PDB file of N, CA and C in Angstrom:
ATOM      1  N   UNK A   1     205.690  -8.145 167.366  1.00  0.00           N
ATOM      2  CA  UNK A   1     206.655  -8.963 168.065  1.00  0.00           C
ATOM      3  C   UNK A   1     206.689  -8.590 169.539  1.00  0.00           C
ATOM      4  N   UNK A   2     206.765  -7.313 169.804  1.00  0.00           N
ATOM      5  CA  UNK A   2     206.815  -6.855 171.194  1.00  0.00           C
ATOM      6  C   UNK A   2     205.533  -7.230 171.922  1.00  0.00           C
ATOM      7  N   UNK A   3     204.392  -7.099 171.252  1.00  0.00           N
ATOM      8  CA  UNK A   3     203.113  -7.438 171.872  1.00  0.00           C
ATOM      9  C   UNK A   3     203.048  -8.928 172.208  1.00  0.00           C
ATOM     10  N   UNK A   4     203.599  -9.769 171.330  1.00  0.00           N
ATOM     11  CA  UNK A   4     203.570 -11.208 171.592  1.00  0.00           C
ATOM     12  C   UNK A   4     204.458 -11.564 172.786  1.00  0.00           C
ATOM     13  N   UNK A   5     205.608 -10.887 172.911  1.00  0.00           N
ATOM     14  CA  UNK A   5     206.485 -11.147 174.046  1.00  0.00           C
ATOM     15  C   UNK A   5     205.842 -10.708 175.350  1.00  0.00           C
ATOM     16  N   UNK A   6     205.203  -9.555 175.339  1.00  0.00           N
ATOM     17  CA  UNK A   6     204.514  -9.066 176.540  1.00  0.00           C
ATOM     18  C   UNK A   6     203.371 -10.009 176.884  1.00  0.00           C
ATOM     19  N   UNK A   7     202.657 -10.486 175.868  1.00  0.00           N
ATOM     20  CA  UNK A   7     201.574 -11.434 176.099  1.00  0.00           C
ATOM     21  C   UNK A   7     202.119 -12.724 176.718  1.00  0.00           C
ATOM     22  N   UNK A   8     203.304 -13.179 176.276  1.00  0.00           N
ATOM     23  CA  UNK A   8     203.910 -14.373 176.860  1.00  0.00           C
ATOM     24  C   UNK A   8     204.266 -14.174 178.315  1.00  0.00           C
ATOM     25  N   UNK A   9     204.755 -12.975 178.650  1.00  0.00           N
ATOM     26  CA  UNK A   9     205.091 -12.674 180.045  1.00  0.00           C
ATOM     27  C   UNK A   9     203.836 -12.686 180.906  1.00  0.00           C
ATOM     28  N   UNK A  10     202.755 -12.141 180.382  1.00  0.00           N
ATOM     29  CA  UNK A  10     201.493 -12.108 181.139  1.00  0.00           C
ATOM     30  C   UNK A  10     200.907 -13.509 181.272  1.00  0.00           C
ATOM     31  N   UNK A  11     200.883 -14.267 180.181  1.00  0.00           N
ATOM     32  CA  UNK A  11     200.280 -15.603 180.204  1.00  0.00           C
ATOM     33  C   UNK A  11     201.112 -16.605 180.994  1.00  0.00           C
ATOM     34  N   UNK A  12     202.369 -16.314 181.219  1.00  0.00           N
ATOM     35  CA  UNK A  12     203.221 -17.201 182.007  1.00  0.00           C
ATOM     36  C   UNK A  12     202.690 -17.343 183.436  1.00  0.00           C
ATOM     37  N   UNK A  13     201.970 -16.351 183.900  1.00  0.00           N
ATOM     38  CA  UNK A  13     201.413 -16.371 185.258  1.00  0.00           C
ATOM     39  C   UNK A  13     200.082 -17.115 185.338  1.00  0.00           C
ATOM     40  N   UNK A  14     199.544 -17.541 184.203  1.00  0.00           N
ATOM     41  CA  UNK A  14     198.291 -18.276 184.178  1.00  0.00           C
ATOM     42  C   UNK A  14     198.600 -19.776 184.228  1.00  0.00           C
ATOM     43  N   UNK A  15     198.206 -20.477 185.316  1.00  0.00           N
ATOM     44  CA  UNK A  15     198.560 -21.899 185.461  1.00  0.00           C
ATOM     45  C   UNK A  15     198.007 -22.795 184.356  1.00  0.00           C
ATOM     46  N   UNK A  16     196.819 -22.483 183.834  1.00  0.00           N
ATOM     47  CA  UNK A  16     196.245 -23.315 182.771  1.00  0.00           C
ATOM     48  C   UNK A  16     197.070 -23.210 181.491  1.00  0.00           C
ATOM     49  N   UNK A  17     197.549 -22.029 181.194  1.00  0.00           N
ATOM     50  CA  UNK A  17     198.377 -21.837 179.995  1.00  0.00           C
ATOM     51  C   UNK A  17     199.701 -22.577 180.155  1.00  0.00           C
ATOM     52  N   UNK A  18     200.312 -22.465 181.321  1.00  0.00           N
ATOM     53  CA  UNK A  18     201.588 -23.135 181.578  1.00  0.00           C
ATOM     54  C   UNK A  18     201.417 -24.657 181.508  1.00  0.00           C
ATOM     55  N   UNK A  19     200.328 -25.158 182.049  1.00  0.00           N
ATOM     56  CA  UNK A  19     200.055 -26.599 182.001  1.00  0.00           C
ATOM     57  C   UNK A  19     199.910 -27.070 180.556  1.00  0.00           C
ATOM     58  N   UNK A  20     199.186 -26.297 179.740  1.00  0.00           N
ATOM     59  CA  UNK A  20     199.020 -26.662 178.333  1.00  0.00           C
ATOM     60  C   UNK A  20     200.364 -26.621 177.597  1.00  0.00           C
ATOM     61  N   UNK A  21     201.199 -25.647 177.922  1.00  0.00           N
ATOM     62  CA  UNK A  21     202.518 -25.570 177.292  1.00  0.00           C
ATOM     63  C   UNK A  21     203.381 -26.771 177.644  1.00  0.00           C
ATOM     64  N   UNK A  22     203.336 -27.199 178.904  1.00  0.00           N
ATOM     65  CA  UNK A  22     204.144 -28.352 179.312  1.00  0.00           C
ATOM     66  C   UNK A  22     203.622 -29.653 178.713  1.00  0.00           C
ATOM     67  N   UNK A  23     202.335 -29.709 178.354  1.00  0.00           N
ATOM     68  CA  UNK A  23     201.816 -30.887 177.657  1.00  0.00           C
ATOM     69  C   UNK A  23     202.371 -30.940 176.236  1.00  0.00           C
ATOM     70  N   UNK A  24     202.485 -29.777 175.618  1.00  0.00           N
ATOM     71  CA  UNK A  24     202.988 -29.714 174.244  1.00  0.00           C
ATOM     72  C   UNK A  24     204.502 -29.935 174.216  1.00  0.00           C
ATOM     73  N   UNK A  25     205.215 -29.235 175.106  1.00  0.00           N
ATOM     74  CA  UNK A  25     206.684 -29.318 175.136  1.00  0.00           C
ATOM     75  C   UNK A  25     207.132 -29.536 176.577  1.00  0.00           C
ATOM     76  N   UNK A  26     207.319 -30.786 176.989  1.00  0.00           N
ATOM     77  CA  UNK A  26     207.657 -31.072 178.387  1.00  0.00           C
ATOM     78  C   UNK A  26     208.993 -30.468 178.843  1.00  0.00           C
ATOM     79  N   UNK A  27     209.934 -30.277 177.936  1.00  0.00           N
ATOM     80  CA  UNK A  27     211.246 -29.736 178.301  1.00  0.00           C
ATOM     81  C   UNK A  27     211.316 -28.216 178.189  1.00  0.00           C
ATOM     82  N   UNK A  28     210.182 -27.564 178.104  1.00  0.00           N
ATOM     83  CA  UNK A  28     210.133 -26.119 177.922  1.00  0.00           C
ATOM     84  C   UNK A  28     210.683 -25.392 179.147  1.00  0.00           C
ATOM     85  N   UNK A  29     211.513 -24.395 178.921  1.00  0.00           N
ATOM     86  CA  UNK A  29     212.098 -23.597 179.990  1.00  0.00           C
ATOM     87  C   UNK A  29     211.504 -22.192 179.930  1.00  0.00           C
ATOM     88  N   UNK A  30     210.657 -21.864 180.876  1.00  0.00           N
ATOM     89  CA  UNK A  30     210.005 -20.553 180.895  1.00  0.00           C
ATOM     90  C   UNK A  30     210.744 -19.529 181.757  1.00  0.00           C
ATOM     91  N   UNK A  31     211.922 -19.867 182.223  1.00  0.00           N
ATOM     92  CA  UNK A  31     212.631 -18.953 183.111  1.00  0.00           C
ATOM     93  C   UNK A  31     213.089 -17.682 182.389  1.00  0.00           C
ATOM     94  N   UNK A  32     213.281 -17.744 181.065  1.00  0.00           N
ATOM     95  CA  UNK A  32     213.727 -16.554 180.323  1.00  0.00           C
ATOM     96  C   UNK A  32     212.580 -15.719 179.793  1.00  0.00           C
ATOM     97  N   UNK A  33     211.353 -16.128 180.063  1.00  0.00           N
ATOM     98  CA  UNK A  33     210.206 -15.341 179.610  1.00  0.00           C
ATOM     99  C   UNK A  33     209.937 -14.273 180.672  1.00  0.00           C
ATOM    100  N   UNK A  34     210.689 -13.182 180.574  1.00  0.00           N
ATOM    101  CA  UNK A  34     210.547 -12.050 181.473  1.00  0.00           C
ATOM    102  C   UNK A  34     211.041 -10.796 180.759  1.00  0.00           C
ATOM    103  N   UNK A  35     210.993  -9.680 181.429  1.00  0.00           N
ATOM    104  CA  UNK A  35     211.404  -8.414 180.810  1.00  0.00           C
ATOM    105  C   UNK A  35     212.891  -8.448 180.440  1.00  0.00           C
ATOM    106  N   UNK A  36     213.726  -9.003 181.305  1.00  0.00           N
ATOM    107  CA  UNK A  36     215.153  -9.082 181.006  1.00  0.00           C
ATOM    108  C   UNK A  36     215.399  -9.940 179.766  1.00  0.00           C
ATOM    109  N   UNK A  37     214.719 -11.074 179.675  1.00  0.00           N
ATOM    110  CA  UNK A  37     214.846 -11.929 178.495  1.00  0.00           C
ATOM    111  C   UNK A  37     214.344 -11.248 177.239  1.00  0.00           C
ATOM    112  N   UNK A  38     213.276 -10.459 177.388  1.00  0.00           N
ATOM    113  CA  UNK A  38     212.719  -9.737 176.245  1.00  0.00           C
ATOM    114  C   UNK A  38     213.745  -8.768 175.679  1.00  0.00           C
ATOM    115  N   UNK A  39     214.325  -7.926 176.529  1.00  0.00           N
ATOM    116  CA  UNK A  39     215.281  -6.944 176.037  1.00  0.00           C
ATOM    117  C   UNK A  39     216.632  -7.576 175.725  1.00  0.00           C
ATOM    118  N   UNK A  40     216.940  -8.696 176.372  1.00  0.00           N
ATOM    119  CA  UNK A  40     218.152  -9.426 176.033  1.00  0.00           C
ATOM    120  C   UNK A  40     218.091 -10.009 174.633  1.00  0.00           C
ATOM    121  N   UNK A  41     216.901 -10.270 174.147  1.00  0.00           N
ATOM    122  CA  UNK A  41     216.708 -10.774 172.793  1.00  0.00           C
ATOM    123  C   UNK A  41     216.452  -9.626 171.822  1.00  0.00           C
ATOM    124  N   UNK A  42     215.708  -8.630 172.252  1.00  0.00           N
ATOM    125  CA  UNK A  42     215.297  -7.535 171.365  1.00  0.00           C
ATOM    126  C   UNK A  42     216.489  -6.713 170.887  1.00  0.00           C
ATOM    127  N   UNK A  43     217.436  -6.450 171.759  1.00  0.00           N
ATOM    128  CA  UNK A  43     218.592  -5.631 171.391  1.00  0.00           C
ATOM    129  C   UNK A  43     219.463  -6.294 170.313  1.00  0.00           C
ATOM    130  N   UNK A  44     219.882  -7.551 170.471  1.00  0.00           N
ATOM    131  CA  UNK A  44     220.687  -8.162 169.398  1.00  0.00           C
ATOM    132  C   UNK A  44     219.929  -8.310 168.077  1.00  0.00           C
ATOM    133  N   UNK A  45     218.645  -8.597 168.166  1.00  0.00           N
ATOM    134  CA  UNK A  45     217.851  -8.742 166.947  1.00  0.00           C
ATOM    135  C   UNK A  45     217.745  -7.409 166.220  1.00  0.00           C
ATOM    136  N   UNK A  46     217.535  -6.332 166.964  1.00  0.00           N
ATOM    137  CA  UNK A  46     217.440  -5.005 166.357  1.00  0.00           C
ATOM    138  C   UNK A  46     218.765  -4.610 165.707  1.00  0.00           C
ATOM    139  N   UNK A  47     219.867  -4.847 166.395  1.00  0.00           N
ATOM    140  CA  UNK A  47     221.183  -4.531 165.829  1.00  0.00           C
ATOM    141  C   UNK A  47     221.433  -5.365 164.571  1.00  0.00           C
ATOM    142  N   UNK A  48     221.049  -6.638 164.602  1.00  0.00           N
ATOM    143  CA  UNK A  48     221.202  -7.491 163.423  1.00  0.00           C
ATOM    144  C   UNK A  48     220.369  -7.022 162.245  1.00  0.00           C
ATOM    145  N   UNK A  49     219.174  -6.552 162.518  1.00  0.00           N
ATOM    146  CA  UNK A  49     218.324  -6.039 161.441  1.00  0.00           C
ATOM    147  C   UNK A  49     218.896  -4.750 160.848  1.00  0.00           C
ATOM    148  N   UNK A  50     219.458  -3.908 161.689  1.00  0.00           N
ATOM    149  CA  UNK A  50     220.067  -2.668 161.184  1.00  0.00           C
ATOM    150  C   UNK A  50     221.268  -2.997 160.308  1.00  0.00           C
ATOM    151  N   UNK A  51     222.105  -3.909 160.773  1.00  0.00           N
ATOM    152  CA  UNK A  51     223.280  -4.283 159.985  1.00  0.00           C
ATOM    153  C   UNK A  51     222.853  -4.982 158.697  1.00  0.00           C
ATOM    154  N   UNK A  52     221.932  -5.928 158.805  1.00  0.00           N
ATOM    155  CA  UNK A  52     221.499  -6.671 157.616  1.00  0.00           C
ATOM    156  C   UNK A  52     220.762  -5.806 156.616  1.00  0.00           C
ATOM    157  N   UNK A  53     219.851  -5.010 157.105  1.00  0.00           N
ATOM    158  CA  UNK A  53     219.032  -4.206 156.193  1.00  0.00           C
ATOM    159  C   UNK A  53     219.715  -2.951 155.720  1.00  0.00           C
ATOM    160  N   UNK A  54     220.465  -2.324 156.592  1.00  0.00           N
ATOM    161  CA  UNK A  54     221.052  -1.040 156.247  1.00  0.00           C
ATOM    162  C   UNK A  54     222.385  -1.134 155.553  1.00  0.00           C
ATOM    163  N   UNK A  55     223.146  -2.142 155.852  1.00  0.00           N
ATOM    164  CA  UNK A  55     224.497  -2.220 155.291  1.00  0.00           C
ATOM    165  C   UNK A  55     224.582  -3.281 154.199  1.00  0.00           C
ATOM    166  N   UNK A  56     224.177  -4.492 154.502  1.00  0.00           N
ATOM    167  CA  UNK A  56     224.340  -5.587 153.532  1.00  0.00           C
ATOM    168  C   UNK A  56     223.429  -5.394 152.321  1.00  0.00           C
ATOM    169  N   UNK A  57     222.185  -5.021 152.538  1.00  0.00           N
ATOM    170  CA  UNK A  57     221.268  -4.804 151.405  1.00  0.00           C
ATOM    171  C   UNK A  57     221.737  -3.615 150.574  1.00  0.00           C
ATOM    172  N   UNK A  58     222.210  -2.562 151.235  1.00  0.00           N
ATOM    173  CA  UNK A  58     222.718  -1.403 150.501  1.00  0.00           C
ATOM    174  C   UNK A  58     223.957  -1.768 149.686  1.00  0.00           C
ATOM    175  N   UNK A  59     224.831  -2.605 150.236  1.00  0.00           N
ATOM    176  CA  UNK A  59     226.024  -3.035 149.510  1.00  0.00           C
ATOM    177  C   UNK A  59     225.643  -3.848 148.271  1.00  0.00           C
ATOM    178  N   UNK A  60     224.700  -4.750 148.411  1.00  0.00           N
ATOM    179  CA  UNK A  60     224.248  -5.554 147.267  1.00  0.00           C
ATOM    180  C   UNK A  60     223.613  -4.653 146.205  1.00  0.00           C
ATOM    181  N   UNK A  61     222.807  -3.681 146.639  1.00  0.00           N
ATOM    182  CA  UNK A  61     222.199  -2.722 145.713  1.00  0.00           C
ATOM    183  C   UNK A  61     223.289  -1.975 144.961  1.00  0.00           C
ATOM    184  N   UNK A  62     224.326  -1.537 145.659  1.00  0.00           N
ATOM    185  CA  UNK A  62     225.406  -0.789 145.034  1.00  0.00           C
ATOM    186  C   UNK A  62     226.136  -1.658 144.011  1.00  0.00           C
ATOM    187  N   UNK A  63     226.400  -2.915 144.374  1.00  0.00           N
ATOM    188  CA  UNK A  63     227.125  -3.817 143.476  1.00  0.00           C
ATOM    189  C   UNK A  63     226.322  -4.095 142.209  1.00  0.00           C
ATOM    190  N   UNK A  64     225.010  -4.274 142.360  1.00  0.00           N
ATOM    191  CA  UNK A  64     224.183  -4.666 141.218  1.00  0.00           C
ATOM    192  C   UNK A  64     223.818  -3.475 140.330  1.00  0.00           C
ATOM    193  N   UNK A  65     223.511  -2.327 140.918  1.00  0.00           N
ATOM    194  CA  UNK A  65     222.966  -1.216 140.135  1.00  0.00           C
ATOM    195  C   UNK A  65     223.930  -0.045 139.990  1.00  0.00           C
ATOM    196  N   UNK A  66     224.435   0.471 141.071  1.00  0.00           N
ATOM    197  CA  UNK A  66     225.220   1.699 141.025  1.00  0.00           C
ATOM    198  C   UNK A  66     226.602   1.471 140.399  1.00  0.00           C
ATOM    199  N   UNK A  67     227.294   0.430 140.801  1.00  0.00           N
ATOM    200  CA  UNK A  67     228.653   0.170 140.304  1.00  0.00           C
ATOM    201  C   UNK A  67     228.700   0.014 138.777  1.00  0.00           C
ATOM    202  N   UNK A  68     227.810  -0.774 138.153  1.00  0.00           N
ATOM    203  CA  UNK A  68     227.850  -0.871 136.682  1.00  0.00           C
ATOM    204  C   UNK A  68     227.556   0.467 135.990  1.00  0.00           C
ATOM    205  N   UNK A  69     226.688   1.285 136.551  1.00  0.00           N
ATOM    206  CA  UNK A  69     226.407   2.595 135.959  1.00  0.00           C
ATOM    207  C   UNK A  69     227.647   3.479 136.001  1.00  0.00           C
ATOM    208  N   UNK A  70     228.347   3.455 137.123  1.00  0.00           N
ATOM    209  CA  UNK A  70     229.562   4.259 137.238  1.00  0.00           C
ATOM    210  C   UNK A  70     230.636   3.772 136.270  1.00  0.00           C
ATOM    211  N   UNK A  71     230.716   2.465 136.062  1.00  0.00           N
ATOM    212  CA  UNK A  71     231.677   1.928 135.094  1.00  0.00           C
ATOM    213  C   UNK A  71     231.372   2.431 133.689  1.00  0.00           C
ATOM    214  N   UNK A  72     230.083   2.417 133.326  1.00  0.00           N
ATOM    215  CA  UNK A  72     229.690   2.899 132.002  1.00  0.00           C
ATOM    216  C   UNK A  72     230.019   4.379 131.848  1.00  0.00           C
ATOM    217  N   UNK A  73     229.763   5.164 132.899  1.00  0.00           N
ATOM    218  CA  UNK A  73     230.061   6.593 132.845  1.00  0.00           C
ATOM    219  C   UNK A  73     231.563   6.824 132.671  1.00  0.00           C
ATOM    220  N   UNK A  74     232.388   6.077 133.419  1.00  0.00           N
ATOM    221  CA  UNK A  74     233.841   6.220 133.305  1.00  0.00           C
ATOM    222  C   UNK A  74     234.311   5.832 131.897  1.00  0.00           C
ATOM    223  N   UNK A  75     233.742   4.760 131.355  1.00  0.00           N
ATOM    224  CA  UNK A  75     234.120   4.316 130.015  1.00  0.00           C
ATOM    225  C   UNK A  75     233.760   5.374 128.978  1.00  0.00           C
ATOM    226  N   UNK A  76     232.572   5.961 129.120  1.00  0.00           N
ATOM    227  CA  UNK A  76     232.130   7.004 128.199  1.00  0.00           C
ATOM    228  C   UNK A  76     233.041   8.226 128.293  1.00  0.00           C
ATOM    229  N   UNK A  77     233.410   8.617 129.499  1.00  0.00           N
ATOM    230  CA  UNK A  77     234.310   9.762 129.670  1.00  0.00           C
ATOM    231  C   UNK A  77     235.669   9.503 129.034  1.00  0.00           C
ATOM    232  N   UNK A  78     236.174   8.295 129.207  1.00  0.00           N
ATOM    233  CA  UNK A  78     237.455   7.961 128.584  1.00  0.00           C
ATOM    234  C   UNK A  78     237.359   8.000 127.061  1.00  0.00           C
ATOM    235  N   UNK A  79     236.260   7.517 126.517  1.00  0.00           N
ATOM    236  CA  UNK A  79     236.070   7.555 125.063  1.00  0.00           C
ATOM    237  C   UNK A  79     235.978   8.991 124.563  1.00  0.00           C
ATOM    238  N   UNK A  80     235.300   9.857 125.307  1.00  0.00           N
ATOM    239  CA  UNK A  80     235.179  11.257 124.907  1.00  0.00           C
ATOM    240  C   UNK A  80     236.523  11.975 124.993  1.00  0.00           C
ATOM    241  N   UNK A  81     237.345  11.599 125.959  1.00  0.00           N
ATOM    242  CA  UNK A  81     238.667  12.208 126.066  1.00  0.00           C
ATOM    243  C   UNK A  81     239.574  11.759 124.921  1.00  0.00           C
ATOM    244  N   UNK A  82     239.453  10.541 124.474  1.00  0.00           N
ATOM    245  CA  UNK A  82     240.291  10.015 123.401  1.00  0.00           C
ATOM    246  C   UNK A  82     239.818  10.463 122.029  1.00  0.00           C
ATOM    247  N   UNK A  83     238.560  10.800 121.867  1.00  0.00           N
ATOM    248  CA  UNK A  83     238.007  11.170 120.564  1.00  0.00           C
ATOM    249  C   UNK A  83     238.679  12.406 119.960  1.00  0.00           C
ATOM    250  N   UNK A  84     238.934  13.502 120.693  1.00  0.00           N
ATOM    251  CA  UNK A  84     239.621  14.633 120.078  1.00  0.00           C
ATOM    252  C   UNK A  84     241.017  14.265 119.602  1.00  0.00           C
ATOM    253  N   UNK A  85     241.694  13.372 120.275  1.00  0.00           N
ATOM    254  CA  UNK A  85     243.024  12.942 119.858  1.00  0.00           C
ATOM    255  C   UNK A  85     242.951  12.235 118.503  1.00  0.00           C
ATOM    256  N   UNK A  86     241.901  11.441 118.307  1.00  0.00           N
ATOM    257  CA  UNK A  86     241.730  10.729 117.045  1.00  0.00           C
ATOM    258  C   UNK A  86     241.510  11.716 115.902  1.00  0.00           C
ATOM    259  N   UNK A  87     240.702  12.752 116.186  1.00  0.00           N
ATOM    260  CA  UNK A  87     240.410  13.746 115.147  1.00  0.00           C
ATOM    261  C   UNK A  87     241.683  14.491 114.782  1.00  0.00           C
ATOM    262  N   UNK A  88     242.483  14.881 115.733  1.00  0.00           N
ATOM    263  CA  UNK A  88     243.733  15.589 115.491  1.00  0.00           C
ATOM    264  C   UNK A  88     244.708  14.723 114.708  1.00  0.00           C
ATOM    265  N   UNK A  89     244.794  13.458 115.055  1.00  0.00           N
ATOM    266  CA  UNK A  89     245.743  12.580 114.382  1.00  0.00           C
ATOM    267  C   UNK A  89     245.314  12.237 112.956  1.00  0.00           C
ATOM    268  N   UNK A  90     244.024  12.361 112.641  1.00  0.00           N
ATOM    269  CA  UNK A  90     243.575  12.080 111.279  1.00  0.00           C
ATOM    270  C   UNK A  90     243.993  13.181 110.322  1.00  0.00           C
ATOM    271  N   UNK A  91     244.145  14.406 110.784  1.00  0.00           N
ATOM    272  CA  UNK A  91     244.519  15.526 109.910  1.00  0.00           C
ATOM    273  C   UNK A  91     245.942  15.477 109.599  1.00  0.00           C
TER     274      UNK A  91
END
């Protein structure tokens, strides 16, 4: 991704490339194709990927896998705690 952005900044200075781009997209705005535009886009995208990948995916993993296991463990512990009471009450 970074290499493609740097390549766009370099190719922006080539008149033949710019001419071909304007033939494809006449309303194209190349004013943001610069280092400031690159980091202005890179920073929010990186933060979004960290939040999406690190927090949201982890939360979904916890909900699907970890939470049901903990519920089963708690249920088993409660059953084991109640079992001695049943044995005592049977005598």
